[in-house]
């Protein structure tokens, strides 16, 4: 694995570069409200040169999207790289990235969802510690608790400690305590990386998985694929976060018989592995969520239903 690289914390006056490595943002009001909130916190915000272009779900050619990321990481004036939005086609960028350049200029990178693929590539190929949390487009409208978590994660050089679940512990799927580097992200995107140079290394790691709008048969398919590939068995522990609206609906191909909930799938597919695992805490596609670093050591206590970040993600 590449040497671990950590960026510096944001301070008043820090410049945040905002690229679009996947899809463009269609509604400009979210850009305005989010930039306004970030500037109210004392930060400067700047779209990258080719941000938010494109006439489809792709924000320009993958080479152009990669170039914007290179410029943001290499620019000495830029303090953090925080994409505007996720969407689609993020994986197209991965073969065009210069991971040596990014490793030489470590900076906080904050994203989730489609950009799970960038987390995997930056952590695995550049050794960069990244942050799994809301993207810029949502910061203007998210609850204060979500924004406080984002700010705390990006401004402190101390380990974040126990992830604040506001008194709601996660459900124990399989008992036990595990320690390891935290990796992962959106389940469907982690699954798509299998067999590529960017697939998530789960050996001895705490694997975070969450998703949205995936019906139970598809969640079953993704988890079974990861299990068949041996990726789940290699984990030290598994943190199943929010699975927002991952509920039984009309299936296609059509299935009108009995369905299963994701909780039942976890008990069927995850619990028998005998690896400490829990389901819950506020991370993923909800509004009231936390921001956590990937690529640092964490402790998962499935018995208590909590996770603790043991290692600092930023450095002075």
Protein backbone atom coordinates (compact mmCIF):
# COMPACT_ATOMS: atom_id res chain seq x y z
CA UNK A 1 0.00 0.00 0.00
CA UNK A 2 1.12 3.58 -0.70
CA UNK A 3 2.51 5.67 2.13
CA UNK A 4 -0.23 7.46 4.06
CA UNK A 5 -0.58 11.13 3.09
CA UNK A 6 -2.51 13.68 5.15
CA UNK A 7 -3.55 17.20 4.32
CA UNK A 8 -3.68 20.24 6.58
CA UNK A 9 -6.77 21.49 8.40
CA UNK A 10 -8.90 24.29 7.01
CA UNK A 11 -8.40 27.66 8.65
CA UNK A 12 -10.05 31.07 8.16
CA UNK A 13 -9.12 32.22 4.67
CA UNK A 14 -8.46 28.70 3.35
CA UNK A 15 -9.30 28.22 -0.33
CA UNK A 16 -11.57 25.32 -1.29
CA UNK A 17 -11.40 24.19 -4.93
CA UNK A 18 -14.69 22.77 -6.25
CA UNK A 19 -14.48 20.41 -9.26
CA UNK A 20 -17.12 18.14 -10.82
CA UNK A 21 -15.42 14.77 -11.37
CA UNK A 22 -18.70 13.02 -12.24
CA UNK A 23 -21.93 14.84 -13.18
CA UNK A 24 -22.73 18.56 -13.43
CA UNK A 25 -25.07 20.24 -10.96
CA UNK A 26 -28.33 21.15 -12.68
CA UNK A 27 -29.83 23.55 -10.14
CA UNK A 28 -27.58 26.61 -9.50
CA UNK A 29 -29.47 27.62 -6.35
CA UNK A 30 -27.65 24.87 -4.45
CA UNK A 31 -24.32 26.27 -5.57
CA UNK A 32 -25.24 29.75 -4.40
CA UNK A 33 -26.50 28.66 -0.98
CA UNK A 34 -23.55 26.36 -0.36
CA UNK A 35 -20.92 28.88 -1.40
CA UNK A 36 -22.65 31.42 0.82
CA UNK A 37 -22.49 29.09 3.82
CA UNK A 38 -18.82 28.21 3.25
CA UNK A 39 -17.90 31.87 2.89
CA UNK A 40 -19.80 32.63 6.10
CA UNK A 41 -17.48 30.14 7.84
CA UNK A 42 -14.50 32.22 6.69
CA UNK A 43 -13.44 30.10 3.71
CA UNK A 44 -12.83 31.13 0.12
CA UNK A 45 -14.45 28.98 -2.56
CA UNK A 46 -13.57 28.63 -6.23
CA UNK A 47 -14.93 26.44 -9.01
CA UNK A 48 -12.24 24.70 -11.01
CA UNK A 49 -11.68 25.80 -14.61
CA UNK A 50 -13.96 23.23 -16.24
CA UNK A 51 -16.41 22.65 -13.39
CA UNK A 52 -20.07 22.05 -14.14
CA UNK A 53 -19.76 21.73 -17.90
CA UNK A 54 -21.30 19.04 -20.10
CA UNK A 55 -24.63 18.51 -21.81
CA UNK A 56 -25.34 15.09 -20.28
CA UNK A 57 -24.74 13.21 -17.03
CA UNK A 58 -21.00 13.56 -17.70
CA UNK A 59 -19.37 16.83 -16.65
CA UNK A 60 -17.10 16.88 -19.69
CA UNK A 61 -14.58 14.37 -20.99
CA UNK A 62 -12.86 12.25 -18.33
CA UNK A 63 -9.48 13.74 -19.28
CA UNK A 64 -10.84 17.23 -18.59
CA UNK A 65 -12.33 16.20 -15.26
CA UNK A 66 -9.00 14.60 -14.28
CA UNK A 67 -7.14 17.75 -15.33
CA UNK A 68 -9.26 19.85 -12.98
CA UNK A 69 -8.40 17.50 -10.12
CA UNK A 70 -4.70 17.71 -10.97
CA UNK A 71 -4.84 21.51 -11.06
CA UNK A 72 -6.63 21.66 -7.71
CA UNK A 73 -4.17 19.36 -5.95
CA UNK A 74 -1.08 20.98 -7.50
CA UNK A 75 -2.15 24.60 -6.93
CA UNK A 76 -0.29 25.84 -3.81
CA UNK A 77 -3.07 28.33 -3.11
CA UNK A 78 -5.70 25.57 -2.78
CA UNK A 79 -6.17 24.07 0.71
CA UNK A 80 -8.90 21.47 0.07
CA UNK A 81 -10.58 19.74 -2.86
CA UNK A 82 -14.33 19.42 -2.34
CA UNK A 83 -16.39 18.30 -5.36
CA UNK A 84 -19.62 20.07 -6.11
CA UNK A 85 -21.67 16.92 -6.67
CA UNK A 86 -21.61 13.22 -7.48
CA UNK A 87 -23.98 11.65 -9.97
CA UNK A 88 -22.57 9.28 -12.58
CA UNK A 89 -19.47 8.30 -14.58
CA UNK A 90 -16.93 8.96 -11.84
CA UNK A 91 -14.99 5.80 -12.63
CA UNK A 92 -14.10 7.14 -16.07
CA UNK A 93 -11.69 9.58 -14.43
CA UNK A 94 -9.63 7.00 -12.52
CA UNK A 95 -7.28 5.82 -15.31
CA UNK A 96 -6.44 9.44 -16.17
CA UNK A 97 -5.28 10.51 -12.71
CA UNK A 98 -1.64 11.11 -11.82
CA UNK A 99 -1.48 9.50 -8.40
CA UNK A 100 2.13 10.53 -7.82
CA UNK A 101 1.15 14.18 -8.33
CA UNK A 102 -1.74 13.85 -5.88
CA UNK A 103 0.43 12.05 -3.31
CA UNK A 104 2.98 14.86 -3.55
CA UNK A 105 0.31 17.46 -2.71
CA UNK A 106 -1.94 15.92 -0.03
CA UNK A 107 -5.07 17.92 0.69
CA UNK A 108 -8.43 17.14 2.29
CA UNK A 109 -10.82 15.61 -0.25
CA UNK A 110 -14.47 15.38 0.78
CA UNK A 111 -17.15 13.47 -1.15
CA UNK A 112 -19.38 10.39 -1.07
CA UNK A 113 -21.84 8.38 -3.20
CA UNK A 114 -20.65 8.13 -6.85
CA UNK A 115 -17.28 9.50 -5.77
CA UNK A 116 -16.72 6.43 -3.60
CA UNK A 117 -14.64 5.39 -6.61
CA UNK A 118 -12.35 8.38 -6.14
CA UNK A 119 -11.97 7.60 -2.44
CA UNK A 120 -10.90 4.06 -3.32
CA UNK A 121 -8.39 5.27 -5.88
CA UNK A 122 -6.97 8.11 -3.79
CA UNK A 123 -6.65 6.01 -0.62
CA UNK A 124 -5.36 2.92 -2.40
CA UNK A 125 -3.22 4.40 -5.18
CA UNK A 126 -2.06 7.72 -3.73
CA UNK A 127 -2.11 6.84 -0.02
CA UNK A 128 -4.27 9.92 0.61
CA UNK A 129 -6.46 10.16 3.70
CA UNK A 130 -9.85 11.34 2.45
CA UNK A 131 -13.19 12.29 4.04
CA UNK A 132 -16.50 10.55 3.46
CA UNK A 133 -19.15 13.20 3.84
CA UNK A 134 -21.50 15.66 2.09
CA UNK A 135 -20.44 17.43 -1.08
CA UNK A 136 -20.44 21.16 -1.55
CA UNK A 137 -23.80 21.37 -3.34
CA UNK A 138 -25.68 20.22 -0.22
CA UNK A 139 -23.90 22.23 2.47
CA UNK A 140 -26.20 25.21 2.12
CA UNK A 141 -29.33 23.23 2.98
CA UNK A 142 -28.22 20.46 5.32
CA UNK A 143 -29.00 20.47 9.07
CA UNK A 144 -26.63 22.26 11.44
CA UNK A 145 -25.54 18.96 13.01
CA UNK A 146 -24.37 17.68 9.61
CA UNK A 147 -22.48 20.88 8.90
CA UNK A 148 -20.89 20.85 12.36
CA UNK A 149 -19.60 17.33 11.72
CA UNK A 150 -18.21 18.43 8.34
CA UNK A 151 -16.46 21.40 9.92
CA UNK A 152 -15.05 19.38 12.79
CA UNK A 153 -13.64 16.76 10.47
CA UNK A 154 -11.97 19.37 8.24
CA UNK A 155 -10.57 21.66 10.93
CA UNK A 156 -9.08 19.44 13.65
CA UNK A 157 -5.73 17.68 13.86
CA UNK A 158 -6.90 15.46 16.73
CA UNK A 159 -8.50 12.04 16.20
CA UNK A 160 -12.26 12.50 15.85
CA UNK A 161 -12.99 9.88 18.51
CA UNK A 162 -16.39 8.25 18.88
CA UNK A 163 -18.68 9.04 15.98
CA UNK A 164 -21.61 11.03 17.37
CA UNK A 165 -24.79 9.06 16.75
CA UNK A 166 -26.89 11.38 18.95
CA UNK A 167 -27.73 8.64 21.42
CA UNK A 168 -28.76 6.05 18.81
CA UNK A 169 -26.37 3.09 18.75
CA UNK A 170 -26.15 0.85 15.73
CA UNK A 171 -27.76 -2.58 15.71
CA UNK A 172 -25.41 -5.48 16.33
CA UNK A 173 -25.34 -7.76 13.29
CA UNK A 174 -22.45 -9.89 14.55
CA UNK A 175 -20.85 -9.31 17.98
CA UNK A 176 -17.27 -8.36 18.69
CA UNK A 177 -14.72 -5.54 18.57
CA UNK A 178 -12.37 -4.91 15.66
CA UNK A 179 -9.68 -2.38 14.77
CA UNK A 180 -8.37 -1.50 11.34
CA UNK A 181 -8.16 1.16 8.68
CA UNK A 182 -11.56 2.52 7.66
CA UNK A 183 -12.32 2.11 3.94
CA UNK A 184 -15.35 1.77 1.67
CA UNK A 185 -18.37 3.90 0.83
CA UNK A 186 -21.47 3.35 -1.26
CA UNK A 187 -22.06 -0.40 -1.67
CA UNK A 188 -22.98 -0.37 -5.36
CA UNK A 189 -19.84 1.63 -6.21
CA UNK A 190 -17.54 -0.53 -4.06
CA UNK A 191 -18.97 -3.49 -5.96
CA UNK A 192 -18.33 -1.97 -9.40
CA UNK A 193 -14.62 -1.59 -8.63
CA UNK A 194 -14.03 -5.34 -8.26
CA UNK A 195 -11.56 -6.61 -10.82
CA UNK A 196 -10.10 -3.16 -11.52
CA UNK A 197 -6.80 -1.63 -10.33
CA UNK A 198 -8.89 0.54 -8.01
CA UNK A 199 -10.87 -2.06 -6.06
CA UNK A 200 -11.02 -1.52 -2.31
CA UNK A 201 -8.45 -3.49 -0.33
CA UNK A 202 -10.49 -4.93 2.54
CA UNK A 203 -7.78 -7.07 4.16
CA UNK A 204 -7.78 -6.34 7.88
CA UNK A 205 -9.89 -3.21 7.32
CA UNK A 206 -13.10 -1.82 8.75
CA UNK A 207 -15.37 -1.77 5.69
CA UNK A 208 -18.01 0.98 5.55
CA UNK A 209 -20.98 0.27 3.29
CA UNK A 210 -24.11 2.37 2.69
CA UNK A 211 -26.47 3.03 -0.21
CA UNK A 212 -29.69 4.63 -1.41
CA UNK A 213 -32.69 3.53 -3.51
CA UNK A 214 -31.33 0.04 -4.13
CA UNK A 215 -34.07 -2.56 -3.73
CA UNK A 216 -33.28 -5.58 -1.52
CA UNK A 217 -32.59 -7.99 -4.42
CA UNK A 218 -29.93 -5.58 -5.70
CA UNK A 219 -28.42 -5.13 -2.23
CA UNK A 220 -28.37 -8.95 -2.07
CA UNK A 221 -26.61 -9.07 -5.45
CA UNK A 222 -23.90 -6.57 -4.44
CA UNK A 223 -23.20 -8.18 -1.07
CA UNK A 224 -23.16 -11.66 -2.56
CA UNK A 225 -20.72 -10.52 -5.24
CA UNK A 226 -18.40 -9.07 -2.60
CA UNK A 227 -18.70 -12.26 -0.56
CA UNK A 228 -18.10 -14.52 -3.56
CA UNK A 229 -14.98 -12.47 -4.33
CA UNK A 230 -13.75 -13.00 -0.75
CA UNK A 231 -13.81 -9.27 0.01
CA UNK A 232 -16.11 -9.47 3.04
CA UNK A 233 -14.32 -12.43 4.63
CA UNK A 234 -11.06 -10.45 4.63
CA UNK A 235 -12.47 -7.57 6.70
CA UNK A 236 -11.65 -6.99 10.35
CA UNK A 237 -15.12 -5.51 10.79
CA UNK A 238 -18.09 -4.22 8.78
CA UNK A 239 -19.97 -0.96 9.35
CA UNK A 240 -23.30 -0.93 7.53
CA UNK A 241 -24.46 2.69 7.51
CA UNK A 242 -27.65 4.24 6.17
CA UNK A 243 -29.47 2.29 3.45
CA UNK A 244 -31.90 5.07 2.62
CA UNK A 245 -35.06 3.96 0.81
CA UNK A 246 -33.56 0.50 0.23
CA UNK A 247 -36.97 -1.07 0.72
CA UNK A 248 -39.08 -3.62 -1.18
CA UNK A 249 -40.85 -2.13 -4.17
CA UNK A 250 -41.99 -3.51 -7.50
CA UNK A 251 -39.04 -5.48 -8.80
CA UNK A 252 -37.87 -5.62 -12.38
CA UNK A 253 -37.67 -8.32 -13.59
CA UNK A 254 -41.03 -8.49 -11.87
CA UNK A 255 -41.16 -10.32 -8.56
CA UNK A 256 -44.52 -10.35 -6.77
CA UNK A 257 -43.71 -12.83 -4.04
CA UNK A 258 -42.34 -12.39 -0.53
CA UNK A 259 -39.49 -9.93 -0.27
CA UNK A 260 -36.79 -9.35 2.35
CA UNK A 261 -35.69 -6.24 4.20
CA UNK A 262 -32.06 -5.14 4.14
CA UNK A 263 -31.88 -6.00 7.85
CA UNK A 264 -32.83 -9.58 7.02
CA UNK A 265 -30.22 -9.62 4.25
CA UNK A 266 -27.54 -8.48 6.67
CA UNK A 267 -28.49 -11.25 9.09
CA UNK A 268 -28.38 -13.78 6.26
CA UNK A 269 -25.24 -12.64 4.41
CA UNK A 270 -23.08 -10.76 6.94
CA UNK A 271 -23.75 -12.32 10.34
CA UNK A 272 -22.58 -15.86 9.39
CA UNK A 273 -19.14 -14.51 8.48
CA UNK A 274 -18.39 -14.22 12.20
CA UNK A 275 -16.83 -10.76 11.72
CA UNK A 276 -17.86 -7.92 14.05
CA UNK A 277 -20.56 -6.05 12.17
CA UNK A 278 -23.18 -3.42 12.92
CA UNK A 279 -25.92 -1.58 11.06
CA UNK A 280 -26.71 2.04 11.75
CA UNK A 281 -25.22 5.42 12.74
CA UNK A 282 -25.74 8.50 10.64
CA UNK A 283 -23.63 8.14 7.52
CA UNK A 284 -24.49 8.06 3.86
CA UNK A 285 -27.29 9.62 1.86
CA UNK A 286 -29.43 11.02 4.64
CA UNK A 287 -29.66 14.68 5.62
CA UNK A 288 -28.55 14.24 9.23
CA UNK A 289 -25.19 12.52 8.70
CA UNK A 290 -21.60 12.58 9.88
CA UNK A 291 -18.31 13.10 8.05
CA UNK A 292 -15.54 10.58 8.75
CA UNK A 293 -12.03 10.08 7.40
CA UNK A 294 -11.09 7.09 5.26
CA UNK A 295 -7.61 5.63 5.36
CA UNK A 296 -7.13 6.04 9.14
CA UNK A 297 -7.42 3.52 11.95
CA UNK A 298 -10.78 3.02 13.62
CA UNK A 299 -12.29 0.75 16.27
CA UNK A 300 -15.66 -0.86 15.62
CA UNK A 301 -17.50 -2.05 18.72
CA UNK A 302 -20.43 -4.03 17.36
CA UNK A 303 -21.61 -4.92 20.87
CA UNK A 304 -22.00 -1.26 21.83
CA UNK A 305 -23.07 -0.22 18.33
CA UNK A 306 -20.45 2.47 17.88
CA UNK A 307 -17.32 3.33 15.95
CA UNK A 308 -14.33 5.36 17.12
CA UNK A 309 -11.80 7.13 14.90
CA UNK A 310 -8.45 6.42 16.54
CA UNK A 311 -6.05 8.26 14.23
CA UNK A 312 -5.79 11.92 13.24
CA UNK A 313 -6.74 12.54 9.62
CA UNK A 314 -5.06 15.93 9.25
CA UNK A 315 -1.64 17.21 10.21
CA UNK A 316 0.01 20.56 10.91
